Amino acid sequence: MSEHDIPAAAKELARSGHLIDAIKVTREQTGLSLKDAKQAVDAYIRDPDRASRFSRRRDDLTSFEIPPLAIAALEGGRLLDAIRHTRSARGLGLKAAKETVEHFLAQHADIDARFRSASAAEFRRVGRKLVTILVLTGMLALGYVYWLAP
């Protein structure tokens, strides 16, 4: 695709005034995020002859490398941060970034093992905090009942 990197079907839909359908087709066929697809369609409507900055297609997502910040996030047990870093560094939509990180983990067993270990430790840490909060809340409730009940 050349002009604005939106498919011909999306261009036709945009010209006929069906912007939502044009955005939907653009997302499905290029792998752009909703925001980027909307911007691409809007840019096409404003100036159909100008080239676009949106050039990433779903077919181009064959490289499953992720940025170092994403690897560090995985090693810390933070999957959502890894997806966020991958998304911003590679300009992917949420689904494509998630699939990229999952594929990276599948291809790198050592990092996957560290991720699973760190996420389990994080889960235990959060669980301990939750239990502590629940115990303190229970103690406060019992104190309230004991001291203020008639």
N, C-alpha and C. Protein backbone atom coordinates (compact mmCIF):
# COMPACT_ATOMS: atom_id res chain seq x y z
N MET A 1 0.85 -1.18 0.00
CA MET A 1 0.00 0.00 0.00
C MET A 1 0.89 1.23 0.00
N SER A 2 0.48 2.22 -0.73
CA SER A 2 1.33 3.39 -0.83
C SER A 2 0.70 4.59 -0.14
N GLU A 3 -0.42 5.07 -0.64
CA GLU A 3 -1.01 6.29 -0.10
C GLU A 3 -1.63 6.01 1.26
N HIS A 4 -1.06 6.59 2.27
CA HIS A 4 -1.56 6.53 3.64
C HIS A 4 -1.63 5.11 4.18
N ASP A 5 -1.14 4.16 3.43
CA ASP A 5 -1.09 2.79 3.88
C ASP A 5 -2.44 2.29 4.37
N ILE A 6 -3.48 2.71 3.72
CA ILE A 6 -4.79 2.13 4.02
C ILE A 6 -5.22 1.35 2.79
N PRO A 7 -5.93 0.27 2.98
CA PRO A 7 -6.33 -0.57 1.85
C PRO A 7 -7.26 0.17 0.89
N ALA A 8 -7.32 -0.32 -0.33
CA ALA A 8 -8.18 0.29 -1.34
C ALA A 8 -9.64 0.28 -0.89
N ALA A 9 -10.06 -0.81 -0.25
CA ALA A 9 -11.45 -0.89 0.23
C ALA A 9 -11.72 0.20 1.26
N ALA A 10 -10.74 0.47 2.12
CA ALA A 10 -10.91 1.51 3.14
C ALA A 10 -10.94 2.89 2.48
N LYS A 11 -10.15 3.08 1.43
CA LYS A 11 -10.18 4.35 0.72
C LYS A 11 -11.55 4.60 0.11
N GLU A 12 -12.11 3.56 -0.49
CA GLU A 12 -13.44 3.67 -1.11
C GLU A 12 -14.49 3.98 -0.05
N LEU A 13 -14.42 3.28 1.09
CA LEU A 13 -15.36 3.54 2.18
C LEU A 13 -15.22 4.96 2.71
N ALA A 14 -13.99 5.44 2.84
CA ALA A 14 -13.76 6.79 3.34
C ALA A 14 -14.31 7.83 2.36
N ARG A 15 -14.08 7.60 1.06
CA ARG A 15 -14.60 8.54 0.06
C ARG A 15 -16.13 8.58 0.06
N SER A 16 -16.76 7.45 0.38
CA SER A 16 -18.22 7.41 0.38
C SER A 16 -18.81 7.85 1.72
N GLY A 17 -17.96 8.21 2.68
CA GLY A 17 -18.44 8.74 3.95
C GLY A 17 -18.62 7.71 5.04
N HIS A 18 -18.24 6.47 4.82
CA HIS A 18 -18.37 5.42 5.82
C HIS A 18 -17.05 5.31 6.60
N LEU A 19 -16.81 6.30 7.46
CA LEU A 19 -15.51 6.40 8.13
C LEU A 19 -15.27 5.25 9.12
N ILE A 20 -16.29 4.88 9.86
CA ILE A 20 -16.10 3.81 10.85
C ILE A 20 -15.74 2.50 10.16
N ASP A 21 -16.42 2.21 9.05
CA ASP A 21 -16.10 0.99 8.31
C ASP A 21 -14.70 1.08 7.69
N ALA A 22 -14.30 2.27 7.24
CA ALA A 22 -12.96 2.46 6.69
C ALA A 22 -11.90 2.21 7.75
N ILE A 23 -12.15 2.70 8.96
CA ILE A 23 -11.21 2.48 10.06
C ILE A 23 -11.14 1.00 10.41
N LYS A 24 -12.29 0.35 10.44
CA LYS A 24 -12.34 -1.09 10.77
C LYS A 24 -11.55 -1.90 9.75
N VAL A 25 -11.76 -1.63 8.46
CA VAL A 25 -11.03 -2.34 7.41
C VAL A 25 -9.54 -2.07 7.52
N THR A 26 -9.18 -0.82 7.80
CA THR A 26 -7.76 -0.47 7.93
C THR A 26 -7.12 -1.24 9.08
N ARG A 27 -7.81 -1.31 10.22
CA ARG A 27 -7.27 -2.06 11.36
C ARG A 27 -7.10 -3.53 11.04
N GLU A 28 -8.12 -4.13 10.42
CA GLU A 28 -8.09 -5.56 10.13
C GLU A 28 -6.97 -5.93 9.15
N GLN A 29 -6.76 -5.08 8.15
CA GLN A 29 -5.82 -5.43 7.10
C GLN A 29 -4.40 -4.95 7.34
N THR A 30 -4.20 -3.99 8.23
CA THR A 30 -2.85 -3.48 8.46
C THR A 30 -2.29 -3.80 9.83
N GLY A 31 -3.15 -4.13 10.78
CA GLY A 31 -2.68 -4.39 12.13
C GLY A 31 -2.43 -3.13 12.95
N LEU A 32 -2.88 -1.98 12.45
CA LEU A 32 -2.71 -0.73 13.18
C LEU A 32 -3.63 -0.70 14.39
N SER A 33 -3.25 0.07 15.39
CA SER A 33 -4.13 0.27 16.54
C SER A 33 -5.31 1.12 16.09
N LEU A 34 -6.34 1.19 16.94
CA LEU A 34 -7.52 1.99 16.61
C LEU A 34 -7.15 3.45 16.37
N LYS A 35 -6.33 3.99 17.25
CA LYS A 35 -5.92 5.39 17.12
C LYS A 35 -5.17 5.63 15.81
N ASP A 36 -4.20 4.75 15.51
CA ASP A 36 -3.41 4.92 14.29
C ASP A 36 -4.25 4.72 13.04
N ALA A 37 -5.17 3.77 13.06
CA ALA A 37 -6.04 3.55 11.91
C ALA A 37 -6.93 4.76 11.67
N LYS A 38 -7.46 5.33 12.76
CA LYS A 38 -8.30 6.53 12.63
C LYS A 38 -7.47 7.69 12.07
N GLN A 39 -6.26 7.86 12.57
CA GLN A 39 -5.40 8.93 12.07
C GLN A 39 -5.05 8.72 10.60
N ALA A 40 -4.83 7.47 10.20
CA ALA A 40 -4.50 7.19 8.80
C ALA A 40 -5.68 7.50 7.89
N VAL A 41 -6.89 7.10 8.31
CA VAL A 41 -8.08 7.40 7.51
C VAL A 41 -8.33 8.90 7.47
N ASP A 42 -8.19 9.57 8.61
CA ASP A 42 -8.36 11.02 8.65
C ASP A 42 -7.35 11.72 7.75
N ALA A 43 -6.11 11.26 7.77
CA ALA A 43 -5.07 11.85 6.93
C ALA A 43 -5.40 11.63 5.45
N TYR A 44 -5.90 10.46 5.14
CA TYR A 44 -6.28 10.18 3.76
C TYR A 44 -7.42 11.11 3.31
N ILE A 45 -8.38 11.34 4.17
CA ILE A 45 -9.51 12.21 3.83
C ILE A 45 -9.02 13.64 3.61
N ARG A 46 -8.12 14.11 4.48
CA ARG A 46 -7.60 15.48 4.36
C ARG A 46 -6.80 15.67 3.08
N ASP A 47 -5.96 14.68 2.76
CA ASP A 47 -5.08 14.83 1.60
C ASP A 47 -4.81 13.45 0.99
N PRO A 48 -5.65 13.02 0.06
CA PRO A 48 -5.51 11.68 -0.50
C PRO A 48 -4.21 11.43 -1.27
N ASP A 49 -3.51 12.48 -1.66
CA ASP A 49 -2.29 12.31 -2.46
C ASP A 49 -1.00 12.30 -1.66
N ARG A 50 -1.08 12.64 -0.37
CA ARG A 50 0.12 12.72 0.46
C ARG A 50 0.49 11.35 1.01
N ALA A 51 1.79 11.08 1.13
CA ALA A 51 2.25 9.82 1.71
C ALA A 51 2.04 9.85 3.22
N SER A 52 1.91 8.68 3.82
CA SER A 52 1.59 8.59 5.24
C SER A 52 2.77 8.10 6.06
N ARG A 53 2.69 8.37 7.36
CA ARG A 53 3.71 7.85 8.28
C ARG A 53 3.35 6.46 8.77
N PHE A 54 2.16 5.96 8.42
CA PHE A 54 1.72 4.65 8.88
C PHE A 54 2.15 3.61 7.86
N SER A 55 3.13 2.82 8.23
CA SER A 55 3.65 1.87 7.24
C SER A 55 3.71 0.45 7.77
N ARG A 56 3.32 0.21 8.97
CA ARG A 56 3.43 -1.13 9.53
C ARG A 56 2.21 -1.95 9.15
N ARG A 57 2.47 -3.08 8.55
CA ARG A 57 1.40 -4.01 8.19
C ARG A 57 1.54 -5.26 9.04
N ARG A 58 0.45 -6.01 9.12
CA ARG A 58 0.47 -7.25 9.89
C ARG A 58 1.52 -8.20 9.32
N ASP A 59 1.72 -8.21 8.01
CA ASP A 59 2.71 -9.08 7.39
C ASP A 59 4.13 -8.72 7.80
N ASP A 60 4.35 -7.47 8.17
CA ASP A 60 5.69 -7.02 8.55
C ASP A 60 6.06 -7.40 9.98
N LEU A 61 5.15 -8.01 10.69
CA LEU A 61 5.40 -8.30 12.11
C LEU A 61 6.03 -9.66 12.30
N THR A 62 6.98 -10.01 11.44
CA THR A 62 7.60 -11.32 11.52
C THR A 62 8.76 -11.33 12.51
N SER A 63 9.31 -10.21 12.81
CA SER A 63 10.39 -10.14 13.79
C SER A 63 9.77 -10.06 15.18
N PHE A 64 10.11 -11.02 16.02
CA PHE A 64 9.52 -11.07 17.34
C PHE A 64 10.50 -10.60 18.42
N GLU A 65 11.38 -9.71 18.05
CA GLU A 65 12.29 -9.15 19.03
C GLU A 65 11.56 -8.05 19.80
N ILE A 66 11.88 -7.95 21.06
CA ILE A 66 11.25 -6.92 21.88
C ILE A 66 12.34 -6.04 22.47
N PRO A 67 12.00 -4.82 22.88
CA PRO A 67 13.03 -3.90 23.38
C PRO A 67 13.58 -4.35 24.74
N PRO A 68 14.78 -3.88 25.07
CA PRO A 68 15.40 -4.26 26.35
C PRO A 68 14.54 -3.92 27.57
N LEU A 69 13.81 -2.81 27.53
CA LEU A 69 12.94 -2.47 28.65
C LEU A 69 11.86 -3.52 28.85
N ALA A 70 11.36 -4.07 27.75
CA ALA A 70 10.34 -5.11 27.84
C ALA A 70 10.93 -6.39 28.44
N ILE A 71 12.16 -6.72 28.06
CA ILE A 71 12.81 -7.90 28.62
C ILE A 71 13.02 -7.72 30.12
N ALA A 72 13.45 -6.53 30.52
CA ALA A 72 13.64 -6.26 31.94
C ALA A 72 12.31 -6.36 32.69
N ALA A 73 11.24 -5.88 32.07
CA ALA A 73 9.92 -5.98 32.71
C ALA A 73 9.52 -7.44 32.86
N LEU A 74 9.78 -8.26 31.84
CA LEU A 74 9.45 -9.69 31.93
C LEU A 74 10.25 -10.36 33.04
N GLU A 75 11.52 -10.02 33.13
CA GLU A 75 12.35 -10.63 34.17
C GLU A 75 11.93 -10.17 35.56
N GLY A 76 11.19 -9.05 35.63
CA GLY A 76 10.64 -8.59 36.90
C GLY A 76 9.24 -9.11 37.14
N GLY A 77 8.72 -9.93 36.21
CA GLY A 77 7.40 -10.51 36.39
C GLY A 77 6.26 -9.59 35.99
N ARG A 78 6.55 -8.56 35.18
CA ARG A 78 5.53 -7.56 34.82
C ARG A 78 5.19 -7.68 33.33
N LEU A 79 4.25 -8.55 33.01
CA LEU A 79 3.86 -8.80 31.63
C LEU A 79 3.24 -7.57 30.99
N LEU A 80 2.36 -6.88 31.69
CA LEU A 80 1.70 -5.71 31.11
C LEU A 80 2.69 -4.62 30.75
N ASP A 81 3.70 -4.42 31.60
CA ASP A 81 4.73 -3.44 31.28
C ASP A 81 5.52 -3.85 30.03
N ALA A 82 5.79 -5.15 29.90
CA ALA A 82 6.52 -5.63 28.72
C ALA A 82 5.71 -5.39 27.45
N ILE A 83 4.41 -5.62 27.52
CA ILE A 83 3.55 -5.38 26.37
C ILE A 83 3.51 -3.89 26.04
N ARG A 84 3.42 -3.06 27.08
CA ARG A 84 3.38 -1.61 26.87
C ARG A 84 4.67 -1.12 26.21
N HIS A 85 5.83 -1.59 26.70
CA HIS A 85 7.11 -1.17 26.13
C HIS A 85 7.24 -1.65 24.68
N THR A 86 6.82 -2.88 24.42
CA THR A 86 6.89 -3.41 23.06
C THR A 86 5.97 -2.63 22.13
N ARG A 87 4.81 -2.31 22.64
CA ARG A 87 3.84 -1.56 21.83
C ARG A 87 4.39 -0.19 21.43
N SER A 88 4.96 0.51 22.39
CA SER A 88 5.45 1.85 22.08
C SER A 88 6.73 1.82 21.25
N ALA A 89 7.60 0.86 21.49
CA ALA A 89 8.86 0.81 20.75
C ALA A 89 8.67 0.37 19.30
N ARG A 90 7.72 -0.52 19.06
CA ARG A 90 7.53 -1.05 17.70
C ARG A 90 6.32 -0.46 16.99
N GLY A 91 5.56 0.37 17.68
CA GLY A 91 4.40 0.99 17.04
C GLY A 91 3.28 0.02 16.73
N LEU A 92 3.10 -0.97 17.60
CA LEU A 92 2.09 -2.00 17.37
C LEU A 92 0.79 -1.69 18.09
N GLY A 93 -0.25 -2.34 17.66
CA GLY A 93 -1.51 -2.31 18.40
C GLY A 93 -1.38 -3.22 19.61
N LEU A 94 -2.37 -3.17 20.48
CA LEU A 94 -2.31 -3.95 21.72
C LEU A 94 -2.23 -5.45 21.45
N LYS A 95 -3.08 -5.94 20.56
CA LYS A 95 -3.10 -7.38 20.27
C LYS A 95 -1.78 -7.84 19.67
N ALA A 96 -1.26 -7.09 18.70
CA ALA A 96 0.00 -7.46 18.06
C ALA A 96 1.16 -7.42 19.05
N ALA A 97 1.16 -6.44 19.95
CA ALA A 97 2.23 -6.36 20.96
C ALA A 97 2.15 -7.54 21.92
N LYS A 98 0.93 -7.90 22.32
CA LYS A 98 0.74 -9.05 23.22
C LYS A 98 1.24 -10.33 22.54
N GLU A 99 0.85 -10.53 21.28
CA GLU A 99 1.29 -11.71 20.55
C GLU A 99 2.81 -11.73 20.37
N THR A 100 3.40 -10.57 20.15
CA THR A 100 4.85 -10.48 19.99
C THR A 100 5.56 -10.89 21.28
N VAL A 101 5.09 -10.38 22.42
CA VAL A 101 5.70 -10.73 23.71
C VAL A 101 5.50 -12.21 24.00
N GLU A 102 4.31 -12.74 23.74
CA GLU A 102 4.06 -14.16 23.99
C GLU A 102 4.94 -15.04 23.11
N HIS A 103 5.11 -14.65 21.85
CA HIS A 103 5.98 -15.42 20.96
C HIS A 103 7.43 -15.34 21.42
N PHE A 104 7.84 -14.16 21.87
CA PHE A 104 9.20 -14.00 22.37
C PHE A 104 9.44 -14.93 23.57
N LEU A 105 8.47 -14.99 24.49
CA LEU A 105 8.60 -15.88 25.64
C LEU A 105 8.65 -17.34 25.20
N ALA A 106 7.88 -17.70 24.20
CA ALA A 106 7.88 -19.08 23.71
C ALA A 106 9.22 -19.44 23.08
N GLN A 107 9.90 -18.47 22.49
CA GLN A 107 11.17 -18.72 21.82
C GLN A 107 12.37 -18.64 22.76
N HIS A 108 12.20 -18.03 23.94
CA HIS A 108 13.31 -17.85 24.88
C HIS A 108 12.93 -18.47 26.22
N ALA A 109 13.21 -19.75 26.36
CA ALA A 109 12.81 -20.49 27.55
C ALA A 109 13.47 -19.95 28.82
N ASP A 110 14.70 -19.47 28.73
CA ASP A 110 15.38 -18.95 29.91
C ASP A 110 14.67 -17.69 30.45
N ILE A 111 14.29 -16.80 29.57
CA ILE A 111 13.59 -15.59 30.00
C ILE A 111 12.19 -15.95 30.50
N ASP A 112 11.55 -16.92 29.84
CA ASP A 112 10.22 -17.36 30.27
C ASP A 112 10.28 -17.93 31.68
N ALA A 113 11.32 -18.70 31.98
CA ALA A 113 11.46 -19.27 33.32
C ALA A 113 11.65 -18.17 34.36
N ARG A 114 12.48 -17.18 34.03
CA ARG A 114 12.67 -16.07 34.97
C ARG A 114 11.39 -15.27 35.13
N PHE A 115 10.64 -15.09 34.04
CA PHE A 115 9.36 -14.37 34.11
C PHE A 115 8.39 -15.11 35.02
N ARG A 116 8.26 -16.41 34.84
CA ARG A 116 7.32 -17.19 35.66
C ARG A 116 7.71 -17.16 37.14
N SER A 117 8.99 -17.25 37.41
CA SER A 117 9.47 -17.21 38.78
C SER A 117 9.20 -15.84 39.41
N ALA A 118 9.51 -14.78 38.68
CA ALA A 118 9.31 -13.43 39.20
C ALA A 118 7.83 -13.11 39.36
N SER A 119 6.98 -13.58 38.42
CA SER A 119 5.56 -13.28 38.54
C SER A 119 4.95 -14.06 39.71
N ALA A 120 5.44 -15.27 39.97
CA ALA A 120 4.96 -16.03 41.13
C ALA A 120 5.37 -15.33 42.43
N ALA A 121 6.60 -14.82 42.47
CA ALA A 121 7.04 -14.09 43.66
C ALA A 121 6.21 -12.82 43.85
N GLU A 122 5.90 -12.13 42.78
CA GLU A 122 5.08 -10.92 42.85
C GLU A 122 3.67 -11.26 43.33
N PHE A 123 3.14 -12.37 42.84
CA PHE A 123 1.81 -12.81 43.26
C PHE A 123 1.79 -13.10 44.77
N ARG A 124 2.84 -13.77 45.26
CA ARG A 124 2.91 -14.06 46.70
C ARG A 124 3.03 -12.77 47.51
N ARG A 125 3.83 -11.82 47.02
CA ARG A 125 4.00 -10.56 47.73
C ARG A 125 2.67 -9.80 47.82
N VAL A 126 1.95 -9.73 46.73
CA VAL A 126 0.66 -9.05 46.73
C VAL A 126 -0.32 -9.80 47.61
N GLY A 127 -0.28 -11.12 47.58
CA GLY A 127 -1.15 -11.93 48.43
C GLY A 127 -0.90 -11.67 49.91
N ARG A 128 0.37 -11.56 50.29
CA ARG A 128 0.69 -11.26 51.70
C ARG A 128 0.15 -9.90 52.11
N LYS A 129 0.29 -8.92 51.23
CA LYS A 129 -0.25 -7.60 51.54
C LYS A 129 -1.75 -7.64 51.70
N LEU A 130 -2.42 -8.37 50.84
CA LEU A 130 -3.88 -8.48 50.90
C LEU A 130 -4.31 -9.15 52.20
N VAL A 131 -3.63 -10.21 52.60
CA VAL A 131 -3.96 -10.89 53.85
C VAL A 131 -3.74 -9.94 55.03
N THR A 132 -2.66 -9.20 55.01
CA THR A 132 -2.39 -8.24 56.08
C THR A 132 -3.50 -7.20 56.19
N ILE A 133 -3.93 -6.68 55.05
CA ILE A 133 -5.00 -5.69 55.04
C ILE A 133 -6.30 -6.30 55.58
N LEU A 134 -6.60 -7.51 55.17
CA LEU A 134 -7.82 -8.17 55.64
C LEU A 134 -7.77 -8.43 57.15
N VAL A 135 -6.62 -8.86 57.66
CA VAL A 135 -6.48 -9.10 59.10
C VAL A 135 -6.64 -7.80 59.88
N LEU A 136 -6.00 -6.73 59.42
CA LEU A 136 -6.14 -5.45 60.11
C LEU A 136 -7.57 -4.93 60.07
N THR A 137 -8.24 -5.11 58.94
CA THR A 137 -9.64 -4.69 58.84
C THR A 137 -10.50 -5.50 59.79
N GLY A 138 -10.25 -6.78 59.88
CA GLY A 138 -10.99 -7.63 60.82
C GLY A 138 -10.76 -7.22 62.26
N MET A 139 -9.51 -6.89 62.58
CA MET A 139 -9.21 -6.46 63.94
C MET A 139 -9.90 -5.13 64.26
N LEU A 140 -9.93 -4.22 63.31
CA LEU A 140 -10.64 -2.96 63.51
C LEU A 140 -12.13 -3.19 63.72
N ALA A 141 -12.71 -4.10 62.95
CA ALA A 141 -14.13 -4.39 63.09
C ALA A 141 -14.43 -5.00 64.46
N LEU A 142 -13.58 -5.92 64.89
CA LEU A 142 -13.77 -6.53 66.21
C LEU A 142 -13.61 -5.49 67.32
N GLY A 143 -12.62 -4.61 67.17
CA GLY A 143 -12.43 -3.54 68.17
C GLY A 143 -13.62 -2.61 68.21
N TYR A 144 -14.17 -2.29 67.07
CA TYR A 144 -15.34 -1.44 67.01
C TYR A 144 -16.52 -2.10 67.73
N VAL A 145 -16.75 -3.38 67.43
CA VAL A 145 -17.85 -4.11 68.06
C VAL A 145 -17.61 -4.22 69.55
N TYR A 146 -16.40 -4.51 69.99
CA TYR A 146 -16.11 -4.73 71.40
C TYR A 146 -16.25 -3.42 72.20
N TRP A 147 -15.68 -2.33 71.68
CA TRP A 147 -15.64 -1.09 72.45
C TRP A 147 -16.90 -0.24 72.33
N LEU A 148 -17.56 -0.31 71.21
CA LEU A 148 -18.71 0.59 71.01
C LEU A 148 -20.06 -0.13 71.08
N ALA A 149 -20.06 -1.41 71.17
CA ALA A 149 -21.34 -2.13 71.25
C ALA A 149 -21.90 -2.00 72.67
N PRO A 150 -23.22 -1.87 72.78
CA PRO A 150 -23.82 -1.72 74.13
C PRO A 150 -23.80 -2.96 74.96
